[in-house]
Amino acid sequence: MLQDRPLIAFVGVSDLDRAGQFYGRTLGLPLTDESPFALVADAHGTMLRLTAVEQPAAAPYTVLGWSVADIASAVDQLTARGVDFTRYEGMEQDERGVWTAPSGAKIAWFLDPDGNNLSLTQFSA
C-alpha cells in the first residue's frame, strides 16, 4: 500500500532557530518551509520535518542517517563545520570516530543540538 509513497521523516527539536542553523547551515540541507511549529528540510528528496517540541526525547540509537560515498571526506567536512563525532567505549573507532562493522560498512555517529543521534554510513562495495 505505501511502497510507492514518499517517506516523511520527523525529528523533534526544542529550538527551531538552532535546528535551522544546524540542519540548514551545518549539514547543508535546504530548508524549504517554516512555521511556528516546524521547519521542513529537503534531504535529497525526502521531506524532513524538524518539529518543535517542548522536550525532545533523545533516543540512544540512530534516528537519522545518511549514506555517503567517502566517509572520511564527509567526516572531515562536517568536523570543519563544527560537528563533533561520538566515541563509544568498547568500540574500535579510528581517529575520525569511524567504526567498521563486521559487514565492512563504515559508520560514524554525531548528535544534533538536541541530542538526536545521527549517523553517516559508507557501505562496503
Protein backbone atom coordinates (compact mmCIF):
# COMPACT_ATOMS: atom_id res chain seq x y z
CA MET A 1 0.00 0.00 0.00
CA LEU A 2 2.69 2.54 0.95
CA GLN A 3 5.57 1.13 -1.12
CA ASP A 4 5.15 3.78 -3.81
CA ARG A 5 4.51 6.73 -1.48
CA PRO A 6 7.20 9.21 -0.40
CA LEU A 7 8.56 8.87 3.11
CA ILE A 8 8.41 11.83 5.51
CA ALA A 9 10.94 11.80 8.36
CA PHE A 10 10.35 13.62 11.68
CA VAL A 11 12.81 14.81 14.31
CA GLY A 12 11.78 16.60 17.48
CA VAL A 13 13.73 19.76 18.28
CA SER A 14 13.41 22.26 21.13
CA ASP A 15 14.57 25.38 19.25
CA LEU A 16 13.63 25.88 15.59
CA ASP A 17 16.23 28.62 15.02
CA ARG A 18 19.03 26.46 16.40
CA ALA A 19 17.77 23.44 14.43
CA GLY A 20 17.65 25.55 11.26
CA GLN A 21 21.25 26.61 11.79
CA PHE A 22 22.38 23.02 12.36
CA TYR A 23 20.38 21.17 9.71
CA GLY A 24 20.43 24.03 7.19
CA ARG A 25 23.86 25.61 7.53
CA THR A 26 25.98 22.96 9.22
CA LEU A 27 24.60 19.89 7.43
CA GLY A 28 23.72 21.80 4.26
CA LEU A 29 20.10 20.65 3.90
CA PRO A 30 17.92 23.14 2.00
CA LEU A 31 15.15 24.50 4.24
CA THR A 32 12.01 24.65 2.12
CA ASP A 33 9.33 25.78 4.58
CA GLU A 34 8.92 27.08 8.09
CA SER A 35 6.09 27.71 10.50
CA PRO A 36 5.88 28.31 14.24
CA PHE A 37 5.56 24.52 14.61
CA ALA A 38 8.18 23.07 12.27
CA LEU A 39 10.90 23.57 9.70
CA VAL A 40 10.91 21.47 6.57
CA ALA A 41 14.21 20.39 5.03
CA ASP A 42 14.81 18.58 1.76
CA ALA A 43 17.01 15.56 2.50
CA HIS A 44 17.78 14.51 -1.08
CA GLY A 45 14.11 14.23 -1.99
CA THR A 46 12.88 13.07 1.42
CA MET A 47 10.91 15.58 3.46
CA LEU A 48 12.45 16.03 6.89
CA ARG A 49 10.17 17.82 9.36
CA LEU A 50 12.02 19.35 12.28
CA THR A 51 9.11 19.53 14.68
CA ALA A 52 9.09 21.91 17.64
CA VAL A 53 8.58 20.01 20.88
CA GLU A 54 8.95 21.18 24.45
CA GLN A 55 11.35 18.40 25.46
CA PRO A 56 12.84 16.17 22.75
CA ALA A 57 13.31 12.57 23.82
CA ALA A 58 16.85 11.73 22.76
CA ALA A 59 16.97 8.09 21.70
CA PRO A 60 20.10 6.02 22.42
CA TYR A 61 20.05 4.81 18.81
CA THR A 62 20.32 6.45 15.41
CA VAL A 63 17.20 8.37 14.38
CA LEU A 64 18.52 9.68 11.03
CA GLY A 65 21.40 8.53 8.89
CA TRP A 66 22.95 9.35 5.55
CA SER A 67 24.65 7.03 3.09
CA VAL A 68 27.91 8.58 1.88
CA ALA A 69 30.39 7.51 -0.77
CA ASP A 70 33.50 8.60 1.17
CA ILE A 71 33.01 8.63 4.94
CA ALA A 72 36.47 10.04 5.70
CA SER A 73 35.78 13.06 3.50
CA ALA A 74 32.26 13.52 4.90
CA VAL A 75 33.53 13.35 8.49
CA ASP A 76 36.31 15.82 7.71
CA GLN A 77 33.88 18.26 6.07
CA LEU A 78 31.41 18.12 8.97
CA THR A 79 34.22 18.37 11.53
CA ALA A 80 35.37 21.55 9.77
CA ARG A 81 31.82 22.88 10.23
CA GLY A 82 31.95 22.22 13.98
CA VAL A 83 30.38 18.77 14.23
CA ASP A 84 31.84 16.52 16.94
CA PHE A 85 31.73 12.80 16.25
CA THR A 86 30.76 10.47 19.06
CA ARG A 87 33.16 7.93 20.52
CA TYR A 88 31.69 4.84 22.12
CA GLU A 89 33.52 2.96 24.83
CA GLY A 90 34.31 -0.59 23.80
CA MET A 91 34.03 0.08 20.05
CA GLU A 92 37.11 0.18 17.90
CA GLN A 93 36.81 3.50 16.08
CA ASP A 94 39.52 5.12 14.01
CA GLU A 95 40.98 8.61 14.55
CA ARG A 96 37.87 10.18 12.96
CA GLY A 97 35.46 8.16 15.12
CA VAL A 98 34.57 5.75 12.30
CA TRP A 99 33.67 2.17 13.24
CA THR A 100 33.92 -0.69 10.75
CA ALA A 101 31.04 -3.14 11.09
CA PRO A 102 31.51 -6.89 10.50
CA SER A 103 29.86 -6.38 7.09
CA GLY A 104 32.60 -3.92 6.14
CA ALA A 105 30.31 -0.88 6.34
CA LYS A 106 31.93 2.17 7.95
CA ILE A 107 29.78 4.19 10.36
CA ALA A 108 30.27 7.43 12.29
CA TRP A 109 27.80 9.00 14.72
CA PHE A 110 27.15 12.56 15.83
CA LEU A 111 24.49 14.44 17.78
CA ASP A 112 22.31 17.35 16.77
CA PRO A 113 21.90 20.23 19.27
CA ASP A 114 19.02 18.37 20.99
CA GLY A 115 20.94 15.12 21.39
CA ASN A 116 19.28 13.31 18.48
CA ASN A 117 21.71 10.60 17.35
CA LEU A 118 22.60 10.93 13.64
CA SER A 119 24.97 8.87 11.52
CA LEU A 120 26.93 8.56 8.31
CA THR A 121 27.40 5.16 6.65
CA GLN A 122 29.69 4.13 3.83
CA PHE A 123 28.51 0.72 2.73
CA SER A 124 31.12 -1.78 1.55
CA ALA A 125 31.30 -2.45 -2.17
